[in-house]
Amino acid sequence: MSTDLDRTRPVWRQIVAVIEQRIADGTYPVDARVPSVVELSAEFGVAASTAQKVLAHLKAEGRVRTEVGLGTFVSHPED
């Protein structure tokens, strides 16, 4: 696990915050692919269901969009 997480708070929320920070600081610019469920699971040492919850939350918030067969990408701010 490359990112230390506080196991006293919901892990999925902490991962959401990490991804949102990466979007904000340009690590993941608009239209960039964000890590997949498998990649998030490996990076943060969490179950696939936790990683799916992270991506679902980011999508519901409008931060990312999914393109079938291609992956999940950072949304345009106006999207």
PDB file of N, CA and C in Angstrom:
ATOM      1  N   MET A   1       0.850  -1.175   0.000  1.00  0.00           N
ATOM      2  CA  MET A   1       0.000   0.000   0.000  1.00  0.00           C
ATOM      3  C   MET A   1       0.891   1.233   0.000  1.00  0.00           C
ATOM      4  N   SER A   2       0.760   2.066  -0.996  1.00  0.00           N
ATOM      5  CA  SER A   2       1.639   3.221  -1.116  1.00  0.00           C
ATOM      6  C   SER A   2       1.123   4.441  -0.362  1.00  0.00           C
ATOM      7  N   THR A   3      -0.128   4.433   0.020  1.00  0.00           N
ATOM      8  CA  THR A   3      -0.710   5.561   0.724  1.00  0.00           C
ATOM      9  C   THR A   3      -1.180   5.098   2.091  1.00  0.00           C
ATOM     10  N   ASP A   4      -0.731   5.790   3.136  1.00  0.00           N
ATOM     11  CA  ASP A   4      -1.151   5.429   4.484  1.00  0.00           C
ATOM     12  C   ASP A   4      -2.569   5.917   4.727  1.00  0.00           C
ATOM     13  N   LEU A   5      -3.390   5.022   5.252  1.00  0.00           N
ATOM     14  CA  LEU A   5      -4.770   5.362   5.563  1.00  0.00           C
ATOM     15  C   LEU A   5      -5.002   5.219   7.054  1.00  0.00           C
ATOM     16  N   ASP A   6      -5.886   6.039   7.576  1.00  0.00           N
ATOM     17  CA  ASP A   6      -6.283   6.000   8.975  1.00  0.00           C
ATOM     18  C   ASP A   6      -7.411   4.980   9.090  1.00  0.00           C
ATOM     19  N   ARG A   7      -7.124   3.852   9.670  1.00  0.00           N
ATOM     20  CA  ARG A   7      -8.118   2.773   9.730  1.00  0.00           C
ATOM     21  C   ARG A   7      -9.239   3.037  10.738  1.00  0.00           C
ATOM     22  N   THR A   8      -9.244   4.220  11.381  1.00  0.00           N
ATOM     23  CA  THR A   8     -10.336   4.552  12.294  1.00  0.00           C
ATOM     24  C   THR A   8     -11.464   5.294  11.578  1.00  0.00           C
ATOM     25  N   ARG A   9     -11.233   5.711  10.333  1.00  0.00           N
ATOM     26  CA  ARG A   9     -12.254   6.377   9.512  1.00  0.00           C
ATOM     27  C   ARG A   9     -12.581   5.480   8.335  1.00  0.00           C
ATOM     28  N   PRO A  10     -13.771   5.623   7.740  1.00  0.00           N
ATOM     29  CA  PRO A  10     -14.103   4.786   6.588  1.00  0.00           C
ATOM     30  C   PRO A  10     -13.023   4.892   5.502  1.00  0.00           C
ATOM     31  N   VAL A  11     -12.453   3.765   5.162  1.00  0.00           N
ATOM     32  CA  VAL A  11     -11.348   3.737   4.205  1.00  0.00           C
ATOM     33  C   VAL A  11     -11.787   4.254   2.841  1.00  0.00           C
ATOM     34  N   TRP A  12     -12.979   3.901   2.401  1.00  0.00           N
ATOM     35  CA  TRP A  12     -13.414   4.327   1.070  1.00  0.00           C
ATOM     36  C   TRP A  12     -13.479   5.849   0.980  1.00  0.00           C
ATOM     37  N   ARG A  13     -13.888   6.509   2.067  1.00  0.00           N
ATOM     38  CA  ARG A  13     -13.949   7.974   2.054  1.00  0.00           C
ATOM     39  C   ARG A  13     -12.543   8.579   1.976  1.00  0.00           C
ATOM     40  N   GLN A  14     -11.600   7.949   2.637  1.00  0.00           N
ATOM     41  CA  GLN A  14     -10.219   8.433   2.578  1.00  0.00           C
ATOM     42  C   GLN A  14      -9.651   8.288   1.168  1.00  0.00           C
ATOM     43  N   ILE A  15      -9.987   7.178   0.508  1.00  0.00           N
ATOM     44  CA  ILE A  15      -9.506   6.967  -0.861  1.00  0.00           C
ATOM     45  C   ILE A  15     -10.154   7.976  -1.801  1.00  0.00           C
ATOM     46  N   VAL A  16     -11.447   8.241  -1.609  1.00  0.00           N
ATOM     47  CA  VAL A  16     -12.114   9.285  -2.394  1.00  0.00           C
ATOM     48  C   VAL A  16     -11.363  10.601  -2.241  1.00  0.00           C
ATOM     49  N   ALA A  17     -11.000  10.947  -1.014  1.00  0.00           N
ATOM     50  CA  ALA A  17     -10.274  12.202  -0.764  1.00  0.00           C
ATOM     51  C   ALA A  17      -8.926  12.218  -1.476  1.00  0.00           C
ATOM     52  N   VAL A  18      -8.232  11.086  -1.490  1.00  0.00           N
ATOM     53  CA  VAL A  18      -6.937  10.998  -2.180  1.00  0.00           C
ATOM     54  C   VAL A  18      -7.125  11.225  -3.680  1.00  0.00           C
ATOM     55  N   ILE A  19      -8.118  10.555  -4.267  1.00  0.00           N
ATOM     56  CA  ILE A  19      -8.358  10.699  -5.709  1.00  0.00           C
ATOM     57  C   ILE A  19      -8.786  12.131  -6.026  1.00  0.00           C
ATOM     58  N   GLU A  20      -9.660  12.709  -5.193  1.00  0.00           N
ATOM     59  CA  GLU A  20     -10.071  14.098  -5.415  1.00  0.00           C
ATOM     60  C   GLU A  20      -8.875  15.046  -5.334  1.00  0.00           C
ATOM     61  N   GLN A  21      -7.958  14.792  -4.415  1.00  0.00           N
ATOM     62  CA  GLN A  21      -6.753  15.625  -4.304  1.00  0.00           C
ATOM     63  C   GLN A  21      -5.889  15.481  -5.553  1.00  0.00           C
ATOM     64  N   ARG A  22      -5.778  14.267  -6.045  1.00  0.00           N
ATOM     65  CA  ARG A  22      -4.988  14.040  -7.260  1.00  0.00           C
ATOM     66  C   ARG A  22      -5.606  14.742  -8.459  1.00  0.00           C
ATOM     67  N   ILE A  23      -6.937  14.791  -8.504  1.00  0.00           N
ATOM     68  CA  ILE A  23      -7.614  15.527  -9.577  1.00  0.00           C
ATOM     69  C   ILE A  23      -7.331  17.018  -9.412  1.00  0.00           C
ATOM     70  N   ALA A  24      -7.456  17.517  -8.192  1.00  0.00           N
ATOM     71  CA  ALA A  24      -7.258  18.949  -7.920  1.00  0.00           C
ATOM     72  C   ALA A  24      -5.837  19.405  -8.212  1.00  0.00           C
ATOM     73  N   ASP A  25      -4.851  18.559  -7.900  1.00  0.00           N
ATOM     74  CA  ASP A  25      -3.457  18.992  -8.096  1.00  0.00           C
ATOM     75  C   ASP A  25      -2.913  18.668  -9.486  1.00  0.00           C
ATOM     76  N   GLY A  26      -3.766  18.097 -10.341  1.00  0.00           N
ATOM     77  CA  GLY A  26      -3.355  17.839 -11.713  1.00  0.00           C
ATOM     78  C   GLY A  26      -2.672  16.508 -11.953  1.00  0.00           C
ATOM     79  N   THR A  27      -2.533  15.704 -10.911  1.00  0.00           N
ATOM     80  CA  THR A  27      -1.977  14.364 -11.113  1.00  0.00           C
ATOM     81  C   THR A  27      -2.850  13.600 -12.102  1.00  0.00           C
ATOM     82  N   TYR A  28      -4.168  13.767 -11.954  1.00  0.00           N
ATOM     83  CA  TYR A  28      -5.135  13.219 -12.907  1.00  0.00           C
ATOM     84  C   TYR A  28      -5.852  14.410 -13.537  1.00  0.00           C
ATOM     85  N   PRO A  29      -5.351  14.916 -14.663  1.00  0.00           N
ATOM     86  CA  PRO A  29      -6.010  16.057 -15.304  1.00  0.00           C
ATOM     87  C   PRO A  29      -7.315  15.637 -15.980  1.00  0.00           C
ATOM     88  N   VAL A  30      -8.078  16.621 -16.415  1.00  0.00           N
ATOM     89  CA  VAL A  30      -9.324  16.361 -17.137  1.00  0.00           C
ATOM     90  C   VAL A  30      -9.046  15.413 -18.292  1.00  0.00           C
ATOM     91  N   ASP A  31      -9.912  14.441 -18.447  1.00  0.00           N
ATOM     92  CA  ASP A  31      -9.856  13.410 -19.488  1.00  0.00           C
ATOM     93  C   ASP A  31      -8.812  12.330 -19.233  1.00  0.00           C
ATOM     94  N   ALA A  32      -8.053  12.424 -18.144  1.00  0.00           N
ATOM     95  CA  ALA A  32      -7.088  11.368 -17.816  1.00  0.00           C
ATOM     96  C   ALA A  32      -7.828  10.171 -17.229  1.00  0.00           C
ATOM     97  N   ARG A  33      -7.296   8.991 -17.505  1.00  0.00           N
ATOM     98  CA  ARG A  33      -7.879   7.780 -16.932  1.00  0.00           C
ATOM     99  C   ARG A  33      -7.476   7.695 -15.471  1.00  0.00           C
ATOM    100  N   VAL A  34      -8.441   7.373 -14.622  1.00  0.00           N
ATOM    101  CA  VAL A  34      -8.143   7.147 -13.206  1.00  0.00           C
ATOM    102  C   VAL A  34      -7.958   5.646 -12.998  1.00  0.00           C
ATOM    103  N   PRO A  35      -7.340   5.259 -11.903  1.00  0.00           N
ATOM    104  CA  PRO A  35      -7.089   3.835 -11.687  1.00  0.00           C
ATOM    105  C   PRO A  35      -8.375   3.004 -11.691  1.00  0.00           C
ATOM    106  N   SER A  36      -8.236   1.799 -12.188  1.00  0.00           N
ATOM    107  CA  SER A  36      -9.351   0.852 -12.226  1.00  0.00           C
ATOM    108  C   SER A  36      -9.596   0.274 -10.838  1.00  0.00           C
ATOM    109  N   VAL A  37     -10.646  -0.511 -10.712  1.00  0.00           N
ATOM    110  CA  VAL A  37     -10.943  -1.206  -9.455  1.00  0.00           C
ATOM    111  C   VAL A  37      -9.746  -2.044  -9.033  1.00  0.00           C
ATOM    112  N   VAL A  38      -9.185  -2.790  -9.960  1.00  0.00           N
ATOM    113  CA  VAL A  38      -8.033  -3.650  -9.648  1.00  0.00           C
ATOM    114  C   VAL A  38      -6.845  -2.808  -9.205  1.00  0.00           C
ATOM    115  N   GLU A  39      -6.591  -1.714  -9.905  1.00  0.00           N
ATOM    116  CA  GLU A  39      -5.459  -0.846  -9.558  1.00  0.00           C
ATOM    117  C   GLU A  39      -5.647  -0.174  -8.200  1.00  0.00           C
ATOM    118  N   LEU A  40      -6.864   0.299  -7.923  1.00  0.00           N
ATOM    119  CA  LEU A  40      -7.136   0.907  -6.615  1.00  0.00           C
ATOM    120  C   LEU A  40      -6.992  -0.122  -5.501  1.00  0.00           C
ATOM    121  N   SER A  41      -7.508  -1.322  -5.741  1.00  0.00           N
ATOM    122  CA  SER A  41      -7.401  -2.394  -4.744  1.00  0.00           C
ATOM    123  C   SER A  41      -5.948  -2.678  -4.407  1.00  0.00           C
ATOM    124  N   ALA A  42      -5.114  -2.741  -5.434  1.00  0.00           N
ATOM    125  CA  ALA A  42      -3.693  -3.027  -5.220  1.00  0.00           C
ATOM    126  C   ALA A  42      -2.983  -1.863  -4.532  1.00  0.00           C
ATOM    127  N   GLU A  43      -3.246  -0.646  -4.981  1.00  0.00           N
ATOM    128  CA  GLU A  43      -2.557   0.516  -4.409  1.00  0.00           C
ATOM    129  C   GLU A  43      -2.887   0.725  -2.938  1.00  0.00           C
ATOM    130  N   PHE A  44      -4.164   0.572  -2.592  1.00  0.00           N
ATOM    131  CA  PHE A  44      -4.592   0.886  -1.231  1.00  0.00           C
ATOM    132  C   PHE A  44      -4.782  -0.342  -0.346  1.00  0.00           C
ATOM    133  N   GLY A  45      -4.625  -1.528  -0.916  1.00  0.00           N
ATOM    134  CA  GLY A  45      -4.764  -2.747  -0.123  1.00  0.00           C
ATOM    135  C   GLY A  45      -6.176  -2.975   0.370  1.00  0.00           C
ATOM    136  N   VAL A  46      -7.151  -2.690  -0.496  1.00  0.00           N
ATOM    137  CA  VAL A  46      -8.555  -2.850  -0.125  1.00  0.00           C
ATOM    138  C   VAL A  46      -9.234  -3.861  -1.043  1.00  0.00           C
ATOM    139  N   ALA A  47     -10.411  -4.292  -0.627  1.00  0.00           N
ATOM    140  CA  ALA A  47     -11.201  -5.225  -1.427  1.00  0.00           C
ATOM    141  C   ALA A  47     -11.731  -4.529  -2.681  1.00  0.00           C
ATOM    142  N   ALA A  48     -12.021  -5.326  -3.692  1.00  0.00           N
ATOM    143  CA  ALA A  48     -12.573  -4.786  -4.934  1.00  0.00           C
ATOM    144  C   ALA A  48     -13.879  -4.042  -4.673  1.00  0.00           C
ATOM    145  N   SER A  49     -14.686  -4.527  -3.746  1.00  0.00           N
ATOM    146  CA  SER A  49     -15.960  -3.858  -3.449  1.00  0.00           C
ATOM    147  C   SER A  49     -15.732  -2.452  -2.891  1.00  0.00           C
ATOM    148  N   THR A  50     -14.675  -2.272  -2.124  1.00  0.00           N
ATOM    149  CA  THR A  50     -14.340  -0.942  -1.600  1.00  0.00           C
ATOM    150  C   THR A  50     -13.913  -0.027  -2.740  1.00  0.00           C
ATOM    151  N   ALA A  51     -13.081  -0.532  -3.628  1.00  0.00           N
ATOM    152  CA  ALA A  51     -12.638   0.259  -4.778  1.00  0.00           C
ATOM    153  C   ALA A  51     -13.818   0.618  -5.677  1.00  0.00           C
ATOM    154  N   GLN A  52     -14.758  -0.312  -5.858  1.00  0.00           N
ATOM    155  CA  GLN A  52     -15.951  -0.034  -6.655  1.00  0.00           C
ATOM    156  C   GLN A  52     -16.771   1.084  -6.021  1.00  0.00           C
ATOM    157  N   LYS A  53     -16.864   1.057  -4.693  1.00  0.00           N
ATOM    158  CA  LYS A  53     -17.609   2.097  -3.977  1.00  0.00           C
ATOM    159  C   LYS A  53     -16.962   3.463  -4.191  1.00  0.00           C
ATOM    160  N   VAL A  54     -15.646   3.505  -4.185  1.00  0.00           N
ATOM    161  CA  VAL A  54     -14.916   4.757  -4.424  1.00  0.00           C
ATOM    162  C   VAL A  54     -15.273   5.315  -5.799  1.00  0.00           C
ATOM    163  N   LEU A  55     -15.169   4.482  -6.824  1.00  0.00           N
ATOM    164  CA  LEU A  55     -15.449   4.949  -8.184  1.00  0.00           C
ATOM    165  C   LEU A  55     -16.914   5.329  -8.350  1.00  0.00           C
ATOM    166  N   ALA A  56     -17.822   4.571  -7.730  1.00  0.00           N
ATOM    167  CA  ALA A  56     -19.249   4.894  -7.811  1.00  0.00           C
ATOM    168  C   ALA A  56     -19.532   6.250  -7.166  1.00  0.00           C
ATOM    169  N   HIS A  57     -18.896   6.517  -6.037  1.00  0.00           N
ATOM    170  CA  HIS A  57     -19.091   7.803  -5.354  1.00  0.00           C
ATOM    171  C   HIS A  57     -18.550   8.952  -6.213  1.00  0.00           C
ATOM    172  N   LEU A  58     -17.360   8.788  -6.745  1.00  0.00           N
ATOM    173  CA  LEU A  58     -16.778   9.830  -7.596  1.00  0.00           C
ATOM    174  C   LEU A  58     -17.643  10.089  -8.826  1.00  0.00           C
ATOM    175  N   LYS A  59     -18.219   9.027  -9.373  1.00  0.00           N
ATOM    176  CA  LYS A  59     -19.098   9.178 -10.534  1.00  0.00           C
ATOM    177  C   LYS A  59     -20.379   9.910 -10.137  1.00  0.00           C
ATOM    178  N   ALA A  60     -20.969   9.533  -9.002  1.00  0.00           N
ATOM    179  CA  ALA A  60     -22.194  10.181  -8.529  1.00  0.00           C
ATOM    180  C   ALA A  60     -21.967  11.666  -8.251  1.00  0.00           C
ATOM    181  N   GLU A  61     -20.769  12.013  -7.825  1.00  0.00           N
ATOM    182  CA  GLU A  61     -20.409  13.405  -7.549  1.00  0.00           C
ATOM    183  C   GLU A  61     -20.052  14.171  -8.823  1.00  0.00           C
ATOM    184  N   GLY A  62     -19.966  13.466  -9.947  1.00  0.00           N
ATOM    185  CA  GLY A  62     -19.630  14.117 -11.208  1.00  0.00           C
ATOM    186  C   GLY A  62     -18.145  14.351 -11.416  1.00  0.00           C
ATOM    187  N   ARG A  63     -17.321  13.752 -10.573  1.00  0.00           N
ATOM    188  CA  ARG A  63     -15.867  13.942 -10.682  1.00  0.00           C
ATOM    189  C   ARG A  63     -15.264  13.098 -11.802  1.00  0.00           C
ATOM    190  N   VAL A  64     -15.874  11.937 -12.064  1.00  0.00           N
ATOM    191  CA  VAL A  64     -15.378  11.040 -13.109  1.00  0.00           C
ATOM    192  C   VAL A  64     -16.547  10.546 -13.946  1.00  0.00           C
ATOM    193  N   ARG A  65     -16.209  10.020 -15.108  1.00  0.00           N
ATOM    194  CA  ARG A  65     -17.205   9.406 -15.989  1.00  0.00           C
ATOM    195  C   ARG A  65     -16.638   8.078 -16.468  1.00  0.00           C
ATOM    196  N   THR A  66     -17.529   7.140 -16.745  1.00  0.00           N
ATOM    197  CA  THR A  66     -17.109   5.832 -17.236  1.00  0.00           C
ATOM    198  C   THR A  66     -17.423   5.727 -18.716  1.00  0.00           C
ATOM    199  N   GLU A  67     -16.454   5.257 -19.477  1.00  0.00           N
ATOM    200  CA  GLU A  67     -16.651   4.982 -20.894  1.00  0.00           C
ATOM    201  C   GLU A  67     -16.521   3.477 -21.063  1.00  0.00           C
ATOM    202  N   VAL A  68     -17.633   2.845 -21.428  1.00  0.00           N
ATOM    203  CA  VAL A  68     -17.691   1.390 -21.516  1.00  0.00           C
ATOM    204  C   VAL A  68     -16.578   0.866 -22.413  1.00  0.00           C
ATOM    205  N   GLY A  69     -15.850  -0.093 -21.889  1.00  0.00           N
ATOM    206  CA  GLY A  69     -14.771  -0.720 -22.632  1.00  0.00           C
ATOM    207  C   GLY A  69     -13.455   0.044 -22.613  1.00  0.00           C
ATOM    208  N   LEU A  70     -13.474   1.264 -22.073  1.00  0.00           N
ATOM    209  CA  LEU A  70     -12.261   2.082 -22.059  1.00  0.00           C
ATOM    210  C   LEU A  70     -11.740   2.363 -20.658  1.00  0.00           C
ATOM    211  N   GLY A  71     -12.635   2.640 -19.726  1.00  0.00           N
ATOM    212  CA  GLY A  71     -12.215   2.931 -18.362  1.00  0.00           C
ATOM    213  C   GLY A  71     -12.967   4.100 -17.768  1.00  0.00           C
ATOM    214  N   THR A  72     -12.420   4.613 -16.682  1.00  0.00           N
ATOM    215  CA  THR A  72     -13.008   5.736 -15.958  1.00  0.00           C
ATOM    216  C   THR A  72     -12.067   6.923 -16.092  1.00  0.00           C
ATOM    217  N   PHE A  73     -12.645   8.079 -16.410  1.00  0.00           N
ATOM    218  CA  PHE A  73     -11.865   9.267 -16.732  1.00  0.00           C
ATOM    219  C   PHE A  73     -12.332  10.470 -15.922  1.00  0.00           C
ATOM    220  N   VAL A  74     -11.418  11.412 -15.702  1.00  0.00           N
ATOM    221  CA  VAL A  74     -11.753  12.649 -15.001  1.00  0.00           C
ATOM    222  C   VAL A  74     -12.712  13.454 -15.874  1.00  0.00           C
ATOM    223  N   SER A  75     -13.801  13.896 -15.264  1.00  0.00           N
ATOM    224  CA  SER A  75     -14.803  14.684 -15.980  1.00  0.00           C
ATOM    225  C   SER A  75     -14.359  16.125 -16.138  1.00  0.00           C
ATOM    226  N   HIS A  76     -14.944  16.792 -17.128  1.00  0.00           N
ATOM    227  CA  HIS A  76     -14.759  18.233 -17.278  1.00  0.00           C
ATOM    228  C   HIS A  76     -15.513  18.898 -16.136  1.00  0.00           C
ATOM    229  N   PRO A  77     -15.009  19.993 -15.594  1.00  0.00           N
ATOM    230  CA  PRO A  77     -15.687  20.649 -14.469  1.00  0.00           C
ATOM    231  C   PRO A  77     -17.147  20.999 -14.745  1.00  0.00           C
ATOM    232  N   GLU A  78     -17.475  21.328 -15.972  1.00  0.00           N
ATOM    233  CA  GLU A  78     -18.856  21.696 -16.296  1.00  0.00           C
ATOM    234  C   GLU A  78     -19.753  20.493 -16.554  1.00  0.00           C
ATOM    235  N   ASP A  79     -19.174  19.267 -16.626  1.00  0.00           N
ATOM    236  CA  ASP A  79     -19.977  18.060 -16.884  1.00  0.00           C
ATOM    237  C   ASP A  79     -20.860  17.728 -15.704  1.00  0.00           C
TER     238      ASP A  79
END
